[in-house]
Amino acid sequence: LDIVSLHPDLQRLCRDKDLVRRISWVQGNFLEGLPKFANDSFDFVHVKRIARGVPEDKWDDLFEEITRVMKPGAAFE
């Protein structure tokens, strides 16, 4: 059970107001269908706490989608 905000309050945490303007948070479930993002859309993809929720036959689909939306040289965490 997580009792935290979905994402941090950047207005409060960040001194760099330009950073606040440049970041948006997107949450989704790839098993239910994600919003369609263009190829090479993201500099950084962060995924966590999914090991038990991804069916064994869906891991390849997940990594293909992550690879598709990452820009060349992007980071995956």
C-alpha atoms as a PDB file:
ATOM      1  CA  LEU A   1       0.000   0.000   0.000  1.00  0.00           C
ATOM      2  CA  ASP A   2       1.464   3.330  -1.076  1.00  0.00           C
ATOM      3  CA  ILE A   3       0.206   6.433   0.669  1.00  0.00           C
ATOM      4  CA  VAL A   4       1.958   9.014  -1.434  1.00  0.00           C
ATOM      5  CA  SER A   5       1.077  11.420  -4.173  1.00  0.00           C
ATOM      6  CA  LEU A   6       1.112  10.053  -7.695  1.00  0.00           C
ATOM      7  CA  HIS A   7       3.941  12.421  -8.526  1.00  0.00           C
ATOM      8  CA  PRO A   8       5.990  14.951  -6.590  1.00  0.00           C
ATOM      9  CA  ASP A   9       4.835  18.544  -6.311  1.00  0.00           C
ATOM     10  CA  LEU A  10       7.487  20.169  -8.469  1.00  0.00           C
ATOM     11  CA  GLN A  11       6.196  23.668  -7.710  1.00  0.00           C
ATOM     12  CA  ARG A  12       7.166  23.101  -4.089  1.00  0.00           C
ATOM     13  CA  LEU A  13      10.276  20.950  -4.566  1.00  0.00           C
ATOM     14  CA  CYS A  14      12.023  22.590  -7.476  1.00  0.00           C
ATOM     15  CA  ARG A  15      13.804  25.928  -7.540  1.00  0.00           C
ATOM     16  CA  ASP A  16      14.144  25.727 -11.321  1.00  0.00           C
ATOM     17  CA  LYS A  17      10.738  26.932 -12.529  1.00  0.00           C
ATOM     18  CA  ASP A  18      11.726  26.192 -16.132  1.00  0.00           C
ATOM     19  CA  LEU A  19      12.039  22.537 -15.145  1.00  0.00           C
ATOM     20  CA  VAL A  20       8.495  22.611 -13.792  1.00  0.00           C
ATOM     21  CA  ARG A  21       7.281  23.880 -17.168  1.00  0.00           C
ATOM     22  CA  ARG A  22       9.178  21.196 -19.119  1.00  0.00           C
ATOM     23  CA  ILE A  23       8.068  18.106 -17.150  1.00  0.00           C
ATOM     24  CA  SER A  24       4.757  16.354 -17.307  1.00  0.00           C
ATOM     25  CA  TRP A  25       3.785  13.129 -15.578  1.00  0.00           C
ATOM     26  CA  VAL A  26       2.039  10.337 -17.416  1.00  0.00           C
ATOM     27  CA  GLN A  27       0.766   7.210 -15.737  1.00  0.00           C
ATOM     28  CA  GLY A  28      -0.650   4.291 -17.643  1.00  0.00           C
ATOM     29  CA  ASN A  29      -1.076   0.556 -17.842  1.00  0.00           C
ATOM     30  CA  PHE A  30       0.319  -0.921 -21.038  1.00  0.00           C
ATOM     31  CA  LEU A  31      -1.880  -4.017 -20.573  1.00  0.00           C
ATOM     32  CA  GLU A  32      -4.948  -1.791 -20.896  1.00  0.00           C
ATOM     33  CA  GLY A  33      -3.498   0.265 -23.713  1.00  0.00           C
ATOM     34  CA  LEU A  34      -1.406   3.375 -23.276  1.00  0.00           C
ATOM     35  CA  PRO A  35      -1.889   6.702 -24.961  1.00  0.00           C
ATOM     36  CA  LYS A  36      -0.172   6.467 -28.316  1.00  0.00           C
ATOM     37  CA  PHE A  37       3.172   8.217 -28.103  1.00  0.00           C
ATOM     38  CA  ALA A  38       5.243   8.985 -31.166  1.00  0.00           C
ATOM     39  CA  ASN A  39       8.437   7.060 -31.816  1.00  0.00           C
ATOM     40  CA  ASP A  40      11.500   8.603 -30.146  1.00  0.00           C
ATOM     41  CA  SER A  41       9.385  10.704 -27.754  1.00  0.00           C
ATOM     42  CA  PHE A  42      11.166  10.363 -24.420  1.00  0.00           C
ATOM     43  CA  ASP A  43      14.591  11.167 -22.988  1.00  0.00           C
ATOM     44  CA  PHE A  44      13.834   9.119 -19.876  1.00  0.00           C
ATOM     45  CA  VAL A  45      11.509   6.193 -19.141  1.00  0.00           C
ATOM     46  CA  HIS A  46      10.985   5.078 -15.545  1.00  0.00           C
ATOM     47  CA  VAL A  47       9.176   1.855 -14.716  1.00  0.00           C
ATOM     48  CA  LYS A  48       8.850   0.358 -11.275  1.00  0.00           C
ATOM     49  CA  ARG A  49       6.949  -2.226  -9.289  1.00  0.00           C
ATOM     50  CA  ILE A  50       5.687  -4.145 -12.291  1.00  0.00           C
ATOM     51  CA  ALA A  51       7.342  -7.567 -11.933  1.00  0.00           C
ATOM     52  CA  ARG A  52       4.300  -9.302 -10.499  1.00  0.00           C
ATOM     53  CA  GLY A  53       1.829  -7.500 -12.730  1.00  0.00           C
ATOM     54  CA  VAL A  54       3.245  -8.324 -16.156  1.00  0.00           C
ATOM     55  CA  PRO A  55       2.143 -11.686 -17.551  1.00  0.00           C
ATOM     56  CA  GLU A  56       5.040 -13.836 -18.710  1.00  0.00           C
ATOM     57  CA  ASP A  57       3.956 -13.602 -22.344  1.00  0.00           C
ATOM     58  CA  LYS A  58       3.810  -9.751 -22.284  1.00  0.00           C
ATOM     59  CA  TRP A  59       7.401  -8.875 -21.312  1.00  0.00           C
ATOM     60  CA  ASP A  60       8.584  -8.720 -24.926  1.00  0.00           C
ATOM     61  CA  ASP A  61       5.657  -6.422 -25.801  1.00  0.00           C
ATOM     62  CA  LEU A  62       6.523  -4.152 -22.880  1.00  0.00           C
ATOM     63  CA  PHE A  63      10.189  -3.786 -23.815  1.00  0.00           C
ATOM     64  CA  GLU A  64       9.354  -3.292 -27.496  1.00  0.00           C
ATOM     65  CA  GLU A  65       7.045  -0.404 -26.579  1.00  0.00           C
ATOM     66  CA  ILE A  66       9.626   1.126 -24.229  1.00  0.00           C
ATOM     67  CA  THR A  67      12.305   0.876 -26.913  1.00  0.00           C
ATOM     68  CA  ARG A  68      10.001   2.380 -29.538  1.00  0.00           C
ATOM     69  CA  VAL A  69       9.208   5.526 -27.542  1.00  0.00           C
ATOM     70  CA  MET A  70      12.742   6.187 -26.272  1.00  0.00           C
ATOM     71  CA  LYS A  71      14.889   8.706 -28.124  1.00  0.00           C
ATOM     72  CA  PRO A  72      18.353   7.516 -29.177  1.00  0.00           C
ATOM     73  CA  GLY A  73      20.588   7.792 -26.117  1.00  0.00           C
ATOM     74  CA  ALA A  74      17.608   7.980 -23.718  1.00  0.00           C
ATOM     75  CA  ALA A  75      17.814   6.520 -20.229  1.00  0.00           C
ATOM     76  CA  PHE A  76      15.672   3.645 -18.985  1.00  0.00           C
ATOM     77  CA  GLU A  77      15.267   3.087 -15.278  1.00  0.00           C
END
